[in-house]
Amino acid sequence: MFGMTTPAPQPLTGVRVLDLSRVLAGPWCTQTLADLGADVIKVERPPSGTSAGGDDTRSWGPPFLKDKDGADTHEAAYYLGTNRNKRSITVDIARPEGQALIRRIALQSDVFVENYKVGDMARYGLDFASLHALNPRLVYCSITGFGQTGPYRERAGYDYAVQGMGGLMSVTGPSRAEIADDASGGGPQKVGVAVADLFTGMYACTAILAALRHRDLTGIGQSIDMALLDTQVAMLANLGANYLTTGVAPQRMGNAHQNIVPYQVFEVADGHMILAVGNDTQFAKFCDVAGAPHIAQDARFSRNAERVRNRATLVPMLAALMRARTRSDWLAALEAAKVPSGPINDLADVFADPHVNARGMTVQLPHPLAGDVRLVASPMKFSATPVQYQRPPPLLGEHTAEVLREFGLGDAEVAALREARAI
């Protein structure tokens, strides 16, 4: 129904991705590939017995997409956010017929993505070695919690646990001083979205694109071993470098920055806002706007390194200044002075923001159950090959017959596979 027009070529037009991933890291990767024009075939479990089948996130609600009559569908918003521009087929890879079908599709695919536990694909004859023997050009990406090697390799990996194990939660949450001042308590906190999953999906996408480039140069595909824990360690960025440089583990700083002052949330007369001074010139401008130029001239605060060392003295001084004016007053004055600052928006504010709307950060697609579905758009902006939104997130198994016919299966073969409950 959807995507039947002939679109202009995109960066990955002609690349076929066989996607055996589910939940978030893998689907985030393959949605990005699909947005870039790849033909992503999402392989899901068929319904069986009491199991509804499909990607687990289809049922991770509420909220659920509403149908045309306003009733909940079985399509959770979580699933919708990671699966546009794909086609869904249902295949039971635990059955020999299903395994044979996946091998048949893999023979004519460019990329294979899976996030099963270590060893599962080998049990099904769908591991890299098996598929590489059939299709040496195949790029094979495995996404797990802890990777294909190492003492934790057989553990199931979840974003929340990895945020803790990988150090992110040790630097996220209120500082010890804030906890001492707050009778409600506090402590290490996870990030509000599953960043280990999302970053792993993006790293996996980058790795796949690099492996495709290598394949185009050499004619040979390769395996990619992506792990949530590896990614979480890597994305600590400057904080990881801080530790490796000094041997001192960074601590939680609440809404403050480890290496820059002032770069944090401040209370103002009517709420809170962010002040994000990035250099000494901006600090001097801030002090002028605040009516306190003498602070920037003080040797304890004139340079960022000194401001970091004297944070405990400086921040209360700035906090007193910030509380004297309203957020709108501060934001207008700081913007005029080109001092970085900003409001703290909830998602209603975000999607009502005129700049967010001018940048086209939502997209509306036709949907067979709801009439249409509104989704967060891709942030990638191309001058010659813009992202195209060809398909809404697919219904479970929506394209099974269509895809199987493309691989040469006739109606009788498709019927026989259904009878065998392989699809």
Protein backbone atom coordinates (compact mmCIF):
# COMPACT_ATOMS: atom_id res chain seq x y z
CA MET A 1 0.00 0.00 0.00
CA PHE A 2 2.72 2.43 1.05
CA GLY A 3 5.97 3.23 -0.66
CA MET A 4 4.77 2.14 -4.11
CA THR A 5 5.97 5.27 -5.88
CA THR A 6 9.45 5.30 -7.39
CA PRO A 7 11.51 7.59 -5.11
CA ALA A 8 14.70 9.36 -6.08
CA PRO A 9 17.84 7.38 -5.18
CA GLN A 10 19.03 7.72 -1.60
CA PRO A 11 22.51 7.05 -0.16
CA LEU A 12 21.69 3.38 0.56
CA THR A 13 19.35 2.68 -2.33
CA GLY A 14 20.01 -0.89 -3.46
CA VAL A 15 21.26 -2.07 -0.05
CA ARG A 16 19.18 -4.85 1.50
CA VAL A 17 19.24 -5.31 5.28
CA LEU A 18 17.96 -8.50 6.88
CA ASP A 19 17.02 -7.36 10.37
CA LEU A 20 16.64 -9.99 13.10
CA SER A 21 16.92 -7.46 15.92
CA ARG A 22 14.28 -6.32 18.36
CA VAL A 23 13.62 -3.87 21.20
CA LEU A 24 15.90 -0.80 20.80
CA ALA A 25 19.62 -0.93 19.93
CA GLY A 26 19.22 -3.03 16.79
CA PRO A 27 15.98 -1.43 15.57
CA TRP A 28 17.46 2.05 16.13
CA CYS A 29 20.38 1.05 13.92
CA THR A 30 18.20 -0.43 11.18
CA GLN A 31 15.71 2.45 11.23
CA THR A 32 18.62 4.78 10.51
CA LEU A 33 19.72 2.54 7.62
CA ALA A 34 16.13 2.51 6.36
CA ASP A 35 15.93 6.30 6.56
CA LEU A 36 19.05 6.38 4.37
CA GLY A 37 17.26 4.32 1.74
CA ALA A 38 18.11 0.72 2.59
CA ASP A 39 15.44 -1.94 2.08
CA VAL A 40 15.12 -3.21 5.66
CA ILE A 41 13.29 -6.51 6.08
CA LYS A 42 12.32 -6.87 9.74
CA VAL A 43 12.04 -10.52 10.76
CA GLU A 44 9.68 -11.15 13.68
CA ARG A 45 8.31 -14.13 15.58
CA PRO A 46 4.94 -15.38 14.27
CA PRO A 47 2.06 -15.46 16.75
CA SER A 48 1.78 -18.84 18.49
CA GLY A 49 -0.54 -20.09 21.21
CA THR A 50 -0.84 -17.39 23.86
CA SER A 51 2.06 -15.36 22.40
CA ALA A 52 1.16 -12.40 20.23
CA GLY A 53 4.53 -12.73 18.50
CA GLY A 54 6.56 -9.95 17.01
CA ASP A 55 8.98 -7.45 18.50
CA ASP A 56 8.42 -7.24 22.26
CA THR A 57 8.10 -3.46 22.06
CA ARG A 58 4.84 -3.75 20.10
CA SER A 59 3.18 -4.37 23.48
CA TRP A 60 5.31 -1.98 25.60
CA GLY A 61 2.50 0.40 26.41
CA PRO A 62 0.49 2.35 27.14
CA PRO A 63 0.58 4.61 25.29
CA PHE A 64 -0.70 2.80 22.22
CA LEU A 65 -1.57 4.19 18.82
CA LYS A 66 -5.28 4.97 18.53
CA ASP A 67 -7.26 3.57 15.64
CA LYS A 68 -9.64 5.63 13.50
CA ASP A 69 -12.38 5.21 16.14
CA GLY A 70 -10.15 6.34 19.00
CA ALA A 71 -9.58 2.89 20.51
CA ASP A 72 -6.16 1.51 21.42
CA THR A 73 -4.48 -0.62 18.78
CA HIS A 74 -1.82 -3.21 19.60
CA GLU A 75 0.90 -0.85 18.30
CA ALA A 76 2.79 0.73 21.22
CA ALA A 77 4.35 4.17 20.80
CA TYR A 78 7.69 2.60 21.82
CA TYR A 79 7.60 0.31 18.78
CA LEU A 80 6.43 3.08 16.46
CA GLY A 81 9.42 5.24 17.36
CA THR A 82 12.04 2.77 16.06
CA ASN A 83 10.59 0.93 13.07
CA ARG A 84 9.51 3.25 10.27
CA ASN A 85 10.57 2.66 6.66
CA LYS A 86 10.83 -1.12 7.24
CA ARG A 87 8.92 -4.13 5.99
CA SER A 88 7.84 -6.83 8.45
CA ILE A 89 7.83 -10.55 7.81
CA THR A 90 7.12 -13.30 10.32
CA VAL A 91 9.50 -16.27 10.37
CA ASP A 92 10.01 -18.89 13.07
CA ILE A 93 13.78 -19.35 13.04
CA ALA A 94 13.48 -22.23 15.52
CA ARG A 95 12.01 -24.36 12.69
CA PRO A 96 14.22 -25.80 9.93
CA GLU A 97 11.94 -24.32 7.28
CA GLY A 98 12.31 -20.90 8.85
CA GLN A 99 16.09 -21.22 9.02
CA ALA A 100 16.19 -22.23 5.35
CA LEU A 101 14.06 -19.20 4.48
CA ILE A 102 16.39 -16.80 6.30
CA ARG A 103 19.40 -18.32 4.53
CA ARG A 104 17.62 -17.88 1.20
CA ILE A 105 17.04 -14.18 1.89
CA ALA A 106 20.55 -13.70 3.33
CA LEU A 107 22.01 -15.06 0.10
CA GLN A 108 20.70 -11.91 -1.63
CA SER A 109 21.23 -9.43 1.22
CA ASP A 110 24.00 -6.96 1.96
CA VAL A 111 23.64 -6.65 5.72
CA PHE A 112 22.47 -8.99 8.48
CA VAL A 113 21.69 -7.53 11.94
CA GLU A 114 20.86 -9.63 14.99
CA ASN A 115 20.78 -9.13 18.74
CA TYR A 116 20.24 -12.67 20.03
CA LYS A 117 22.22 -14.07 22.93
CA VAL A 118 25.73 -15.32 22.13
CA GLY A 119 25.49 -18.77 20.53
CA ASP A 120 21.82 -18.63 19.51
CA MET A 121 22.50 -17.86 15.87
CA ALA A 122 24.97 -20.75 15.65
CA ARG A 123 22.30 -23.13 16.99
CA TYR A 124 20.04 -22.06 14.15
CA GLY A 125 22.78 -22.22 11.52
CA LEU A 126 22.49 -18.46 11.05
CA ASP A 127 25.82 -17.37 12.55
CA PHE A 128 28.41 -15.35 10.65
CA ALA A 129 30.50 -18.36 9.62
CA SER A 130 27.47 -20.17 8.18
CA LEU A 131 26.10 -17.19 6.27
CA HIS A 132 29.52 -15.96 5.16
CA ALA A 133 30.08 -19.33 3.50
CA LEU A 134 26.87 -18.77 1.51
CA ASN A 135 27.36 -15.07 0.84
CA PRO A 136 30.94 -13.83 1.32
CA ARG A 137 29.84 -10.23 0.63
CA LEU A 138 27.49 -10.16 3.62
CA VAL A 139 28.16 -7.63 6.42
CA TYR A 140 27.05 -9.33 9.64
CA CYS A 141 26.42 -7.22 12.75
CA SER A 142 25.81 -8.80 16.16
CA ILE A 143 24.55 -6.58 18.99
CA THR A 144 24.67 -7.94 22.54
CA GLY A 145 25.01 -6.64 26.05
CA PHE A 146 28.62 -7.70 26.55
CA GLY A 147 29.99 -8.83 23.18
CA GLN A 148 31.01 -12.15 21.66
CA THR A 149 34.12 -12.52 23.88
CA GLY A 150 35.01 -11.94 27.52
CA PRO A 151 33.77 -13.42 30.80
CA TYR A 152 30.33 -11.72 30.62
CA ARG A 153 29.58 -12.73 27.03
CA GLU A 154 26.73 -15.11 27.93
CA ARG A 155 24.91 -12.62 30.14
CA ALA A 156 21.77 -10.91 28.94
CA GLY A 157 22.39 -7.19 28.61
CA TYR A 158 19.94 -4.44 29.48
CA ASP A 159 20.46 -0.71 29.09
CA TYR A 160 19.67 0.11 32.73
CA ALA A 161 22.20 -2.39 34.09
CA VAL A 162 24.80 -1.28 31.57
CA GLN A 163 24.38 2.38 32.54
CA GLY A 164 25.30 1.25 36.04
CA MET A 165 28.10 -1.15 35.11
CA GLY A 166 29.62 1.21 32.56
CA GLY A 167 30.03 4.14 34.93
CA LEU A 168 27.34 6.48 33.61
CA MET A 169 25.20 6.36 36.74
CA SER A 170 28.23 7.12 38.92
CA VAL A 171 28.37 10.57 37.30
CA THR A 172 24.60 11.11 36.89
CA GLY A 173 22.42 12.41 39.70
CA PRO A 174 22.73 14.93 42.53
CA SER A 175 26.11 15.62 44.02
CA ARG A 176 26.88 14.50 47.57
CA ALA A 177 26.50 18.09 48.73
CA GLU A 178 23.06 18.32 47.13
CA ILE A 179 22.02 15.06 48.80
CA ALA A 180 23.18 16.40 52.18
CA ASP A 181 21.11 19.56 51.65
CA ASP A 182 18.00 17.69 50.47
CA ALA A 183 15.96 15.82 53.07
CA SER A 184 14.30 13.78 50.30
CA GLY A 185 17.61 12.03 49.60
CA GLY A 186 18.93 11.05 46.19
CA GLY A 187 21.78 9.18 44.61
CA PRO A 188 22.96 7.70 41.32
CA GLN A 189 20.40 8.03 38.53
CA LYS A 190 19.97 6.61 35.07
CA VAL A 191 19.52 8.88 32.08
CA GLY A 192 15.87 9.43 31.11
CA VAL A 193 16.20 7.53 27.83
CA ALA A 194 18.08 4.30 27.10
CA VAL A 195 21.27 5.97 25.93
CA ALA A 196 23.43 2.82 25.99
CA ASP A 197 20.99 1.17 23.58
CA LEU A 198 20.68 4.26 21.40
CA PHE A 199 24.42 4.92 21.21
CA THR A 200 25.07 1.25 20.44
CA GLY A 201 22.55 1.45 17.62
CA MET A 202 24.28 4.50 16.18
CA TYR A 203 27.77 3.00 16.55
CA ALA A 204 26.46 -0.16 14.88
CA CYS A 205 25.09 1.90 12.01
CA THR A 206 28.46 3.64 11.57
CA ALA A 207 30.29 0.31 11.68
CA ILE A 208 27.95 -1.20 9.08
CA LEU A 209 28.48 1.73 6.72
CA ALA A 210 32.26 1.37 7.12
CA ALA A 211 32.07 -2.38 6.50
CA LEU A 212 29.97 -1.79 3.38
CA ARG A 213 32.63 0.60 2.12
CA HIS A 214 35.29 -2.04 2.80
CA ARG A 215 33.13 -4.66 1.06
CA ASP A 216 32.79 -2.41 -1.98
CA LEU A 217 36.59 -2.07 -2.12
CA THR A 218 37.46 -5.74 -1.50
CA GLY A 219 34.36 -7.73 -2.37
CA ILE A 220 34.36 -9.36 1.07
CA GLY A 221 32.01 -8.78 4.01
CA GLN A 222 32.92 -9.12 7.66
CA SER A 223 31.44 -9.56 11.13
CA ILE A 224 30.86 -6.68 13.53
CA ASP A 225 30.75 -7.32 17.28
CA MET A 226 28.84 -4.51 19.05
CA ALA A 227 28.34 -4.53 22.83
CA LEU A 228 26.29 -2.20 25.00
CA LEU A 229 28.94 -2.18 27.72
CA ASP A 230 31.72 -1.28 25.26
CA THR A 231 29.62 1.57 23.95
CA GLN A 232 28.74 2.82 27.41
CA VAL A 233 32.43 2.92 28.36
CA ALA A 234 33.32 4.71 25.11
CA MET A 235 30.58 7.33 25.44
CA LEU A 236 31.92 8.54 28.79
CA ALA A 237 34.12 10.70 26.54
CA ASN A 238 35.76 13.51 28.52
CA LEU A 239 34.92 11.87 31.86
CA GLY A 240 36.68 8.68 30.82
CA ALA A 241 39.64 10.77 29.73
CA ASN A 242 39.56 12.64 33.04
CA TYR A 243 39.94 9.38 34.93
CA LEU A 244 42.64 7.93 32.65
CA THR A 245 44.61 11.17 32.93
CA THR A 246 44.42 11.56 36.71
CA GLY A 247 43.49 8.17 38.19
CA VAL A 248 40.71 9.94 40.09
CA ALA A 249 37.15 8.78 39.41
CA PRO A 250 34.82 11.69 38.58
CA GLN A 251 31.91 12.11 40.98
CA ARG A 252 28.29 13.10 40.45
CA MET A 253 27.91 16.82 39.83
CA GLY A 254 24.15 17.10 39.60
CA ASN A 255 23.36 19.64 36.88
CA ALA A 256 26.86 21.11 36.93
CA HIS A 257 29.73 20.35 34.53
CA GLN A 258 32.89 18.53 35.57
CA ASN A 259 35.26 20.79 33.60
CA ILE A 260 33.47 24.10 32.97
CA VAL A 261 32.08 26.75 35.37
CA PRO A 262 29.42 28.14 35.25
CA TYR A 263 27.73 25.46 33.17
CA GLN A 264 24.65 24.28 35.06
CA VAL A 265 21.04 24.85 36.07
CA PHE A 266 20.28 27.93 38.16
CA GLU A 267 17.14 28.91 40.01
CA VAL A 268 15.63 32.17 38.78
CA ALA A 269 12.77 34.29 40.12
CA ASP A 270 10.09 32.19 38.45
CA GLY A 271 11.65 28.74 37.98
CA HIS A 272 14.89 27.36 36.60
CA MET A 273 17.06 27.76 33.51
CA ILE A 274 20.41 26.71 32.09
CA LEU A 275 23.48 28.92 31.99
CA ALA A 276 26.15 27.37 29.75
CA VAL A 277 29.19 29.64 29.71
CA GLY A 278 31.76 28.02 27.43
CA ASN A 279 34.75 30.37 27.65
CA ASP A 280 36.23 33.32 29.49
CA THR A 281 34.87 35.92 27.06
CA GLN A 282 31.35 34.61 27.55
CA PHE A 283 31.84 34.71 31.32
CA ALA A 284 32.83 38.37 31.17
CA LYS A 285 29.76 39.12 29.06
CA PHE A 286 27.54 37.26 31.53
CA CYS A 287 28.94 39.27 34.42
CA ASP A 288 28.24 42.49 32.50
CA VAL A 289 24.64 41.40 31.87
CA ALA A 290 24.31 40.48 35.57
CA GLY A 291 25.57 43.91 36.62
CA ALA A 292 28.61 42.39 38.31
CA PRO A 293 31.63 42.99 36.03
CA HIS A 294 33.94 42.89 39.05
CA ILE A 295 33.41 39.12 39.36
CA ALA A 296 34.99 38.49 35.95
CA GLN A 297 37.89 40.74 36.90
CA ASP A 298 38.61 38.78 40.09
CA ALA A 299 41.72 36.62 39.60
CA ARG A 300 39.91 33.71 41.26
CA PHE A 301 37.30 33.69 38.49
CA SER A 302 38.76 35.33 35.38
CA ARG A 303 39.90 32.02 33.83
CA ASN A 304 37.91 28.81 33.59
CA ALA A 305 40.59 26.73 35.32
CA GLU A 306 40.37 29.08 38.30
CA ARG A 307 36.58 29.06 38.23
CA VAL A 308 36.64 25.26 38.40
CA ARG A 309 39.06 25.35 41.35
CA ASN A 310 36.97 28.02 43.11
CA ARG A 311 33.58 26.60 42.14
CA ALA A 312 32.35 26.43 45.76
CA THR A 313 32.93 30.15 46.21
CA LEU A 314 31.73 31.35 42.81
CA VAL A 315 28.53 29.38 42.28
CA PRO A 316 26.69 30.76 45.35
CA MET A 317 27.57 34.28 44.23
CA LEU A 318 26.11 33.61 40.78
CA ALA A 319 23.09 31.84 42.24
CA ALA A 320 22.18 34.96 44.20
CA LEU A 321 22.39 37.07 41.04
CA MET A 322 20.31 34.61 39.02
CA ARG A 323 17.46 34.53 41.56
CA ALA A 324 16.93 38.28 41.19
CA ARG A 325 15.41 38.12 37.67
CA THR A 326 12.85 36.08 35.75
CA ARG A 327 13.68 33.44 33.20
CA SER A 328 12.36 35.44 30.24
CA ASP A 329 14.36 38.47 31.36
CA TRP A 330 17.56 36.43 31.64
CA LEU A 331 17.05 34.59 28.36
CA ALA A 332 16.43 37.76 26.39
CA ALA A 333 19.40 39.57 27.88
CA LEU A 334 21.80 36.64 27.54
CA GLU A 335 20.75 35.94 23.96
CA ALA A 336 21.38 39.59 23.06
CA ALA A 337 24.84 39.30 24.63
CA LYS A 338 25.49 35.96 22.87
CA VAL A 339 25.93 34.09 26.15
CA PRO A 340 24.68 30.47 25.82
CA SER A 341 21.61 29.80 27.93
CA GLY A 342 18.27 28.12 27.60
CA PRO A 343 14.97 27.07 29.14
CA ILE A 344 14.22 23.59 30.50
CA ASN A 345 11.39 22.41 28.26
CA ASP A 346 9.08 19.46 28.67
CA LEU A 347 8.13 17.55 25.52
CA ALA A 348 4.99 19.62 25.00
CA ASP A 349 7.25 22.69 24.89
CA VAL A 350 9.70 20.91 22.58
CA PHE A 351 7.16 19.94 19.96
CA ALA A 352 5.53 23.39 20.10
CA ASP A 353 8.87 25.15 19.67
CA PRO A 354 8.89 27.20 16.44
CA HIS A 355 12.49 26.28 15.67
CA VAL A 356 11.87 22.55 16.16
CA ASN A 357 8.91 22.84 13.80
CA ALA A 358 10.87 24.92 11.29
CA ARG A 359 13.49 22.14 11.25
CA GLY A 360 10.84 19.56 10.39
CA MET A 361 11.41 17.36 13.43
CA THR A 362 8.05 15.60 13.18
CA VAL A 363 6.65 13.63 10.29
CA GLN A 364 3.17 12.28 9.62
CA LEU A 365 2.70 9.02 7.72
CA PRO A 366 -0.42 7.16 6.61
CA HIS A 367 -1.15 4.13 8.79
CA PRO A 368 -3.55 1.25 7.99
CA LEU A 369 -5.10 1.22 11.48
CA ALA A 370 -4.93 4.83 12.61
CA GLY A 371 -5.32 6.69 9.34
CA ASP A 372 -2.05 8.42 10.08
CA VAL A 373 0.71 8.35 12.69
CA ARG A 374 2.89 11.24 13.84
CA LEU A 375 6.53 10.37 14.51
CA VAL A 376 9.78 12.07 15.45
CA ALA A 377 11.66 12.76 12.22
CA SER A 378 15.25 11.95 11.38
CA PRO A 379 17.76 14.69 12.30
CA MET A 380 19.84 13.99 9.18
CA LYS A 381 19.63 16.80 6.63
CA PHE A 382 21.09 16.13 3.16
CA SER A 383 21.36 18.67 0.36
CA ALA A 384 21.02 16.14 -2.47
CA THR A 385 19.49 12.99 -0.95
CA PRO A 386 17.03 14.00 1.76
CA VAL A 387 15.59 11.36 4.06
CA GLN A 388 12.38 9.96 2.60
CA TYR A 389 9.53 8.62 4.70
CA GLN A 390 8.14 5.84 2.55
CA ARG A 391 6.53 3.53 5.08
CA PRO A 392 4.94 3.75 8.53
CA PRO A 393 6.12 1.25 11.15
CA PRO A 394 4.80 -2.03 9.73
CA LEU A 395 2.09 -4.21 11.19
CA LEU A 396 3.27 -7.64 12.31
CA GLY A 397 3.97 -9.74 9.23
CA GLU A 398 2.41 -7.11 6.96
CA HIS A 399 4.85 -7.80 4.12
CA THR A 400 5.49 -11.53 4.50
CA ALA A 401 3.84 -12.63 1.26
CA GLU A 402 5.18 -9.61 -0.66
CA VAL A 403 8.77 -10.22 0.38
CA LEU A 404 8.69 -13.99 -0.13
CA ARG A 405 7.41 -13.52 -3.68
CA GLU A 406 10.35 -11.21 -4.35
CA PHE A 407 12.63 -14.13 -3.45
CA GLY A 408 10.93 -16.45 -5.87
CA LEU A 409 8.45 -18.26 -3.65
CA GLY A 410 5.12 -19.06 -5.25
CA ASP A 411 1.73 -19.04 -3.57
CA ALA A 412 1.87 -22.79 -2.93
CA GLU A 413 5.26 -22.50 -1.20
CA VAL A 414 4.04 -19.61 0.95
CA ALA A 415 0.92 -21.60 1.87
CA ALA A 416 3.04 -24.63 2.78
CA LEU A 417 5.23 -22.49 5.06
CA ARG A 418 2.14 -21.13 6.77
CA GLU A 419 0.82 -24.64 7.21
CA ALA A 420 4.13 -25.67 8.80
CA ARG A 421 3.91 -22.56 11.03
CA ALA A 422 7.32 -21.48 9.80
CA ILE A 423 5.89 -18.05 8.89
